[in-house]
Amino acid sequence: MRNIAKIGLSAEELRLVTDPSFILTKNAIIEKVFDMFGELTLRMQQAVKPFSYEWNEVLEISPKISRGENYLGLPFVILDYPRYFRPHDIFAIRTMFWWGNFMSITVHLKGNYREHYHQRIIEEFPNLCEQGFYTAVGMDEWEHHFGEDNYIPVSLIEPDEWLELYDARNFTKLAVKFPLEEWNKLPERLIAGYISILDVLSNK
């Protein structure tokens, strides 16, 4: 068979394909992420109550938890709340679990919502640096990885470059990420990251 090299399995691949415990463990972990996100949703709904008037339109849409198997080849789970996605206007806060990589929370603004928070985000530059935020530098708003071509720490940007970078694209994404190695601390860190995003968007 000429294609045996394509379909043959390495020793490690053979070990995995004959061991159902790997997939069963993976499924159990994904379920735990769903449970974690379900609990986070309840806390997030409490946290956004002070914004109920300002965000009336977006908060009318229920939170959504979804999963996939292939973001850059790896499984993921996403919680969107708020989640307002329109062709020209976006206002979303996305919590993401990406297998083998990280948990993250990202605020995604476009169109009228980006314009509304423009000045506030510009003024928040020192706070974003201090709190370890990343900002999107890639041109594809639907990429989520933290490669240097997609996100960079705000702290690496010079103050006089912040506005220029902000104006270089028609969307804004600010994110914080957390290592999976600190799993047991993640629920509290995720809600703290969520609240830090709310603080950036709040009237002070």
C-alpha atoms as a PDB file:
ATOM      1  CA  MET A   1       0.000   0.000   0.000  1.00  0.00           C
ATOM      2  CA  ARG A   2       1.621   3.205  -1.194  1.00  0.00           C
ATOM      3  CA  ASN A   3      -0.096   5.425   1.421  1.00  0.00           C
ATOM      4  CA  ILE A   4       0.945   3.366   4.447  1.00  0.00           C
ATOM      5  CA  ALA A   5       3.122   6.244   5.685  1.00  0.00           C
ATOM      6  CA  LYS A   6       0.041   8.472   5.816  1.00  0.00           C
ATOM      7  CA  ILE A   7      -2.192   6.079   7.722  1.00  0.00           C
ATOM      8  CA  GLY A   8       0.379   4.318   9.872  1.00  0.00           C
ATOM      9  CA  LEU A   9       0.506   5.137  13.587  1.00  0.00           C
ATOM     10  CA  SER A  10       3.517   5.999  15.682  1.00  0.00           C
ATOM     11  CA  ALA A  11       4.014   4.155  18.954  1.00  0.00           C
ATOM     12  CA  GLU A  12       2.502   7.094  20.865  1.00  0.00           C
ATOM     13  CA  GLU A  13      -0.466   7.342  18.501  1.00  0.00           C
ATOM     14  CA  LEU A  14      -1.080   3.606  18.804  1.00  0.00           C
ATOM     15  CA  ARG A  15      -1.011   3.864  22.599  1.00  0.00           C
ATOM     16  CA  LEU A  16      -3.623   6.626  22.536  1.00  0.00           C
ATOM     17  CA  VAL A  17      -5.938   5.048  19.958  1.00  0.00           C
ATOM     18  CA  THR A  18      -6.150   1.857  22.026  1.00  0.00           C
ATOM     19  CA  ASP A  19      -6.725   3.707  25.320  1.00  0.00           C
ATOM     20  CA  PRO A  20     -10.304   5.019  25.786  1.00  0.00           C
ATOM     21  CA  SER A  21      -9.385   6.666  29.092  1.00  0.00           C
ATOM     22  CA  PHE A  22      -7.756   9.601  27.287  1.00  0.00           C
ATOM     23  CA  ILE A  23     -10.971  10.634  25.534  1.00  0.00           C
ATOM     24  CA  LEU A  24     -13.089   9.913  28.611  1.00  0.00           C
ATOM     25  CA  THR A  25     -10.804  12.115  30.717  1.00  0.00           C
ATOM     26  CA  LYS A  26     -10.905  14.861  28.110  1.00  0.00           C
ATOM     27  CA  ASN A  27     -14.718  14.747  28.065  1.00  0.00           C
ATOM     28  CA  ALA A  28     -14.811  14.951  31.873  1.00  0.00           C
ATOM     29  CA  ILE A  29     -12.557  18.022  31.825  1.00  0.00           C
ATOM     30  CA  ILE A  30     -14.762  19.753  29.242  1.00  0.00           C
ATOM     31  CA  GLU A  31     -17.799  19.068  31.438  1.00  0.00           C
ATOM     32  CA  LYS A  32     -15.993  20.656  34.388  1.00  0.00           C
ATOM     33  CA  VAL A  33     -15.306  23.730  32.246  1.00  0.00           C
ATOM     34  CA  PHE A  34     -19.035  23.909  31.424  1.00  0.00           C
ATOM     35  CA  ASP A  35     -19.842  23.682  35.130  1.00  0.00           C
ATOM     36  CA  MET A  36     -17.291  26.394  35.941  1.00  0.00           C
ATOM     37  CA  PHE A  37     -18.682  28.671  33.238  1.00  0.00           C
ATOM     38  CA  GLY A  38     -22.229  28.029  34.426  1.00  0.00           C
ATOM     39  CA  GLU A  39     -21.320  29.241  37.912  1.00  0.00           C
ATOM     40  CA  LEU A  40     -19.411  32.187  36.461  1.00  0.00           C
ATOM     41  CA  THR A  41     -22.491  33.194  34.466  1.00  0.00           C
ATOM     42  CA  LEU A  42     -24.507  33.672  37.643  1.00  0.00           C
ATOM     43  CA  ARG A  43     -21.776  35.853  39.156  1.00  0.00           C
ATOM     44  CA  MET A  44     -21.393  37.827  35.938  1.00  0.00           C
ATOM     45  CA  GLN A  45     -25.119  38.559  35.843  1.00  0.00           C
ATOM     46  CA  GLN A  46     -24.824  40.031  39.312  1.00  0.00           C
ATOM     47  CA  ALA A  47     -21.719  42.023  38.377  1.00  0.00           C
ATOM     48  CA  VAL A  48     -23.364  43.742  35.386  1.00  0.00           C
ATOM     49  CA  LYS A  49     -26.451  44.927  37.278  1.00  0.00           C
ATOM     50  CA  PRO A  50     -25.033  48.476  37.693  1.00  0.00           C
ATOM     51  CA  PHE A  51     -24.858  48.623  33.862  1.00  0.00           C
ATOM     52  CA  SER A  52     -28.441  47.478  33.303  1.00  0.00           C
ATOM     53  CA  TYR A  53     -29.595  50.885  32.044  1.00  0.00           C
ATOM     54  CA  GLU A  54     -26.545  51.678  29.893  1.00  0.00           C
ATOM     55  CA  TRP A  55     -26.407  48.151  28.418  1.00  0.00           C
ATOM     56  CA  ASN A  56     -30.131  47.454  28.236  1.00  0.00           C
ATOM     57  CA  GLU A  57     -29.979  46.373  24.584  1.00  0.00           C
ATOM     58  CA  VAL A  58     -27.122  43.902  24.979  1.00  0.00           C
ATOM     59  CA  LEU A  59     -28.198  42.466  28.327  1.00  0.00           C
ATOM     60  CA  GLU A  60     -31.547  41.443  26.863  1.00  0.00           C
ATOM     61  CA  ILE A  61     -29.665  38.605  25.127  1.00  0.00           C
ATOM     62  CA  SER A  62     -29.066  35.570  27.331  1.00  0.00           C
ATOM     63  CA  PRO A  63     -25.540  34.275  28.059  1.00  0.00           C
ATOM     64  CA  LYS A  64     -24.315  31.463  25.821  1.00  0.00           C
ATOM     65  CA  ILE A  65     -21.818  28.670  26.493  1.00  0.00           C
ATOM     66  CA  SER A  66     -20.574  26.818  23.423  1.00  0.00           C
ATOM     67  CA  ARG A  67     -17.824  24.371  22.569  1.00  0.00           C
ATOM     68  CA  GLY A  68     -15.747  23.316  19.612  1.00  0.00           C
ATOM     69  CA  GLU A  69     -13.047  20.820  18.765  1.00  0.00           C
ATOM     70  CA  ASN A  70     -10.787  22.689  16.409  1.00  0.00           C
ATOM     71  CA  TYR A  71      -9.460  26.129  17.178  1.00  0.00           C
ATOM     72  CA  LEU A  72      -5.983  25.768  15.691  1.00  0.00           C
ATOM     73  CA  GLY A  73      -6.427  22.026  16.137  1.00  0.00           C
ATOM     74  CA  LEU A  74      -7.464  22.016  19.807  1.00  0.00           C
ATOM     75  CA  PRO A  75     -10.760  21.855  21.745  1.00  0.00           C
ATOM     76  CA  PHE A  76     -12.237  25.004  23.278  1.00  0.00           C
ATOM     77  CA  VAL A  77     -15.177  26.248  25.332  1.00  0.00           C
ATOM     78  CA  ILE A  78     -16.555  29.796  25.125  1.00  0.00           C
ATOM     79  CA  LEU A  79     -18.880  31.798  27.362  1.00  0.00           C
ATOM     80  CA  ASP A  80     -20.226  35.016  25.837  1.00  0.00           C
ATOM     81  CA  TYR A  81     -21.910  37.524  28.142  1.00  0.00           C
ATOM     82  CA  PRO A  82     -22.815  40.152  27.188  1.00  0.00           C
ATOM     83  CA  ARG A  83     -23.034  38.987  23.578  1.00  0.00           C
ATOM     84  CA  TYR A  84     -24.270  41.471  21.019  1.00  0.00           C
ATOM     85  CA  PHE A  85     -22.976  40.566  17.545  1.00  0.00           C
ATOM     86  CA  ARG A  86     -24.194  42.535  14.542  1.00  0.00           C
ATOM     87  CA  PRO A  87     -22.497  43.111  11.165  1.00  0.00           C
ATOM     88  CA  HIS A  88     -21.269  46.574  12.133  1.00  0.00           C
ATOM     89  CA  ASP A  89     -21.756  46.721  15.914  1.00  0.00           C
ATOM     90  CA  ILE A  90     -20.261  44.332  18.471  1.00  0.00           C
ATOM     91  CA  PHE A  91     -20.258  44.437  22.232  1.00  0.00           C
ATOM     92  CA  ALA A  92     -19.165  41.174  23.830  1.00  0.00           C
ATOM     93  CA  ILE A  93     -17.217  39.917  26.796  1.00  0.00           C
ATOM     94  CA  ARG A  94     -15.880  36.457  25.983  1.00  0.00           C
ATOM     95  CA  THR A  95     -14.464  33.947  28.440  1.00  0.00           C
ATOM     96  CA  MET A  96     -12.487  31.202  26.697  1.00  0.00           C
ATOM     97  CA  PHE A  97     -10.930  27.898  27.674  1.00  0.00           C
ATOM     98  CA  TRP A  98      -8.447  26.675  25.077  1.00  0.00           C
ATOM     99  CA  TRP A  99      -7.109  23.181  25.646  1.00  0.00           C
ATOM    100  CA  GLY A 100      -3.405  23.104  26.423  1.00  0.00           C
ATOM    101  CA  ASN A 101      -3.076  26.882  26.413  1.00  0.00           C
ATOM    102  CA  PHE A 102      -5.039  29.205  28.716  1.00  0.00           C
ATOM    103  CA  MET A 103      -8.247  30.686  30.043  1.00  0.00           C
ATOM    104  CA  SER A 104      -8.907  34.246  28.915  1.00  0.00           C
ATOM    105  CA  ILE A 105     -11.449  37.037  29.168  1.00  0.00           C
ATOM    106  CA  THR A 106     -11.769  39.495  26.289  1.00  0.00           C
ATOM    107  CA  VAL A 107     -13.896  42.546  25.679  1.00  0.00           C
ATOM    108  CA  HIS A 108     -14.673  42.977  21.978  1.00  0.00           C
ATOM    109  CA  LEU A 109     -15.975  46.343  20.755  1.00  0.00           C
ATOM    110  CA  LYS A 110     -16.883  47.490  17.257  1.00  0.00           C
ATOM    111  CA  GLY A 111     -18.976  50.150  15.589  1.00  0.00           C
ATOM    112  CA  ASN A 112     -21.138  52.307  17.844  1.00  0.00           C
ATOM    113  CA  TYR A 113     -19.936  50.572  21.004  1.00  0.00           C
ATOM    114  CA  ARG A 114     -16.301  51.116  20.130  1.00  0.00           C
ATOM    115  CA  GLU A 115     -17.009  54.768  19.446  1.00  0.00           C
ATOM    116  CA  HIS A 116     -18.910  55.093  22.723  1.00  0.00           C
ATOM    117  CA  TYR A 117     -15.967  53.775  24.784  1.00  0.00           C
ATOM    118  CA  HIS A 118     -13.200  55.303  22.676  1.00  0.00           C
ATOM    119  CA  GLN A 119     -12.137  58.089  25.025  1.00  0.00           C
ATOM    120  CA  ARG A 120     -12.569  55.960  28.117  1.00  0.00           C
ATOM    121  CA  ILE A 121     -10.250  53.249  26.813  1.00  0.00           C
ATOM    122  CA  ILE A 122      -7.648  55.789  25.700  1.00  0.00           C
ATOM    123  CA  GLU A 123      -7.634  57.267  29.192  1.00  0.00           C
ATOM    124  CA  GLU A 124      -7.404  53.823  30.796  1.00  0.00           C
ATOM    125  CA  PHE A 125      -3.928  53.189  29.320  1.00  0.00           C
ATOM    126  CA  PRO A 126      -2.016  53.370  32.662  1.00  0.00           C
ATOM    127  CA  ASN A 127      -4.538  51.090  34.360  1.00  0.00           C
ATOM    128  CA  LEU A 128      -4.442  48.579  31.493  1.00  0.00           C
ATOM    129  CA  CYS A 129      -0.657  48.437  31.795  1.00  0.00           C
ATOM    130  CA  GLU A 130      -0.765  47.949  35.557  1.00  0.00           C
ATOM    131  CA  GLN A 131      -3.362  45.169  35.439  1.00  0.00           C
ATOM    132  CA  GLY A 132      -1.602  43.111  32.782  1.00  0.00           C
ATOM    133  CA  PHE A 133      -4.047  43.600  29.920  1.00  0.00           C
ATOM    134  CA  TYR A 134      -3.247  42.586  26.359  1.00  0.00           C
ATOM    135  CA  THR A 135      -4.487  44.452  23.304  1.00  0.00           C
ATOM    136  CA  ALA A 136      -5.222  43.072  19.847  1.00  0.00           C
ATOM    137  CA  VAL A 137      -2.653  43.974  17.195  1.00  0.00           C
ATOM    138  CA  GLY A 138      -3.749  41.482  14.534  1.00  0.00           C
ATOM    139  CA  MET A 139      -6.189  42.471  11.817  1.00  0.00           C
ATOM    140  CA  ASP A 140      -8.530  39.472  12.204  1.00  0.00           C
ATOM    141  CA  GLU A 141     -10.989  40.173  15.007  1.00  0.00           C
ATOM    142  CA  TRP A 142     -11.931  36.478  15.273  1.00  0.00           C
ATOM    143  CA  GLU A 143      -8.466  35.230  16.215  1.00  0.00           C
ATOM    144  CA  HIS A 144      -8.105  34.411  19.907  1.00  0.00           C
ATOM    145  CA  HIS A 145      -4.548  33.147  20.378  1.00  0.00           C
ATOM    146  CA  PHE A 146      -1.938  35.218  22.208  1.00  0.00           C
ATOM    147  CA  GLY A 147       0.803  34.966  19.620  1.00  0.00           C
ATOM    148  CA  GLU A 148       2.762  38.199  19.237  1.00  0.00           C
ATOM    149  CA  ASP A 149       1.136  38.794  15.845  1.00  0.00           C
ATOM    150  CA  ASN A 150      -2.307  38.834  17.475  1.00  0.00           C
ATOM    151  CA  TYR A 151      -1.962  40.245  21.018  1.00  0.00           C
ATOM    152  CA  ILE A 152       0.745  42.131  22.872  1.00  0.00           C
ATOM    153  CA  PRO A 153       0.849  43.341  26.490  1.00  0.00           C
ATOM    154  CA  VAL A 154      -0.340  46.924  26.784  1.00  0.00           C
ATOM    155  CA  SER A 155       2.695  47.521  29.031  1.00  0.00           C
ATOM    156  CA  LEU A 156       4.976  47.098  25.991  1.00  0.00           C
ATOM    157  CA  ILE A 157       3.349  50.023  24.190  1.00  0.00           C
ATOM    158  CA  GLU A 158       4.711  53.544  24.552  1.00  0.00           C
ATOM    159  CA  PRO A 159       2.099  56.045  25.759  1.00  0.00           C
ATOM    160  CA  ASP A 160       2.414  58.136  22.610  1.00  0.00           C
ATOM    161  CA  GLU A 161       1.803  55.018  20.464  1.00  0.00           C
ATOM    162  CA  TRP A 162      -1.384  53.968  22.252  1.00  0.00           C
ATOM    163  CA  LEU A 163      -3.780  56.170  20.269  1.00  0.00           C
ATOM    164  CA  GLU A 164      -2.056  55.305  16.984  1.00  0.00           C
ATOM    165  CA  LEU A 165      -2.368  51.578  17.682  1.00  0.00           C
ATOM    166  CA  TYR A 166      -5.971  52.000  18.787  1.00  0.00           C
ATOM    167  CA  ASP A 167      -6.881  53.761  15.541  1.00  0.00           C
ATOM    168  CA  ALA A 168      -5.147  51.186  13.303  1.00  0.00           C
ATOM    169  CA  ARG A 169      -8.185  48.867  13.138  1.00  0.00           C
ATOM    170  CA  ASN A 170     -11.974  49.170  13.219  1.00  0.00           C
ATOM    171  CA  PHE A 171     -12.392  47.001  16.316  1.00  0.00           C
ATOM    172  CA  THR A 172     -10.951  46.935  19.824  1.00  0.00           C
ATOM    173  CA  LYS A 173     -10.124  43.844  21.851  1.00  0.00           C
ATOM    174  CA  LEU A 174      -8.655  43.960  25.342  1.00  0.00           C
ATOM    175  CA  ALA A 175      -7.889  40.713  27.122  1.00  0.00           C
ATOM    176  CA  VAL A 176      -6.476  39.133  30.238  1.00  0.00           C
ATOM    177  CA  LYS A 177      -5.290  35.529  30.332  1.00  0.00           C
ATOM    178  CA  PHE A 178      -4.675  32.941  33.015  1.00  0.00           C
ATOM    179  CA  PRO A 179      -2.522  29.775  33.006  1.00  0.00           C
ATOM    180  CA  LEU A 180      -4.281  26.430  33.229  1.00  0.00           C
ATOM    181  CA  GLU A 181      -1.714  25.244  35.760  1.00  0.00           C
ATOM    182  CA  GLU A 182      -3.542  27.353  38.373  1.00  0.00           C
ATOM    183  CA  TRP A 183      -6.830  25.524  37.757  1.00  0.00           C
ATOM    184  CA  ASN A 184      -8.214  25.629  41.289  1.00  0.00           C
ATOM    185  CA  LYS A 185      -7.750  29.401  41.444  1.00  0.00           C
ATOM    186  CA  LEU A 186      -9.335  30.044  38.062  1.00  0.00           C
ATOM    187  CA  PRO A 187     -12.951  30.687  39.119  1.00  0.00           C
ATOM    188  CA  GLU A 188     -11.929  33.587  41.364  1.00  0.00           C
ATOM    189  CA  ARG A 189      -9.362  34.902  38.917  1.00  0.00           C
ATOM    190  CA  LEU A 190     -11.823  34.806  36.052  1.00  0.00           C
ATOM    191  CA  ILE A 191     -14.468  36.785  37.922  1.00  0.00           C
ATOM    192  CA  ALA A 192     -11.764  39.242  39.024  1.00  0.00           C
ATOM    193  CA  GLY A 193     -10.719  39.630  35.381  1.00  0.00           C
ATOM    194  CA  TYR A 194     -14.334  40.152  34.380  1.00  0.00           C
ATOM    195  CA  ILE A 195     -14.775  42.861  36.994  1.00  0.00           C
ATOM    196  CA  SER A 196     -11.542  44.539  35.872  1.00  0.00           C
ATOM    197  CA  ILE A 197     -13.028  44.797  32.371  1.00  0.00           C
ATOM    198  CA  LEU A 198     -16.222  46.266  33.804  1.00  0.00           C
ATOM    199  CA  ASP A 199     -14.086  48.807  35.659  1.00  0.00           C
ATOM    200  CA  VAL A 200     -12.431  49.853  32.403  1.00  0.00           C
ATOM    201  CA  LEU A 201     -15.863  50.455  30.854  1.00  0.00           C
ATOM    202  CA  SER A 202     -17.486  52.099  33.842  1.00  0.00           C
ATOM    203  CA  ASN A 203     -18.050  55.788  34.443  1.00  0.00           C
ATOM    204  CA  LYS A 204     -15.640  56.981  37.094  1.00  0.00           C
END
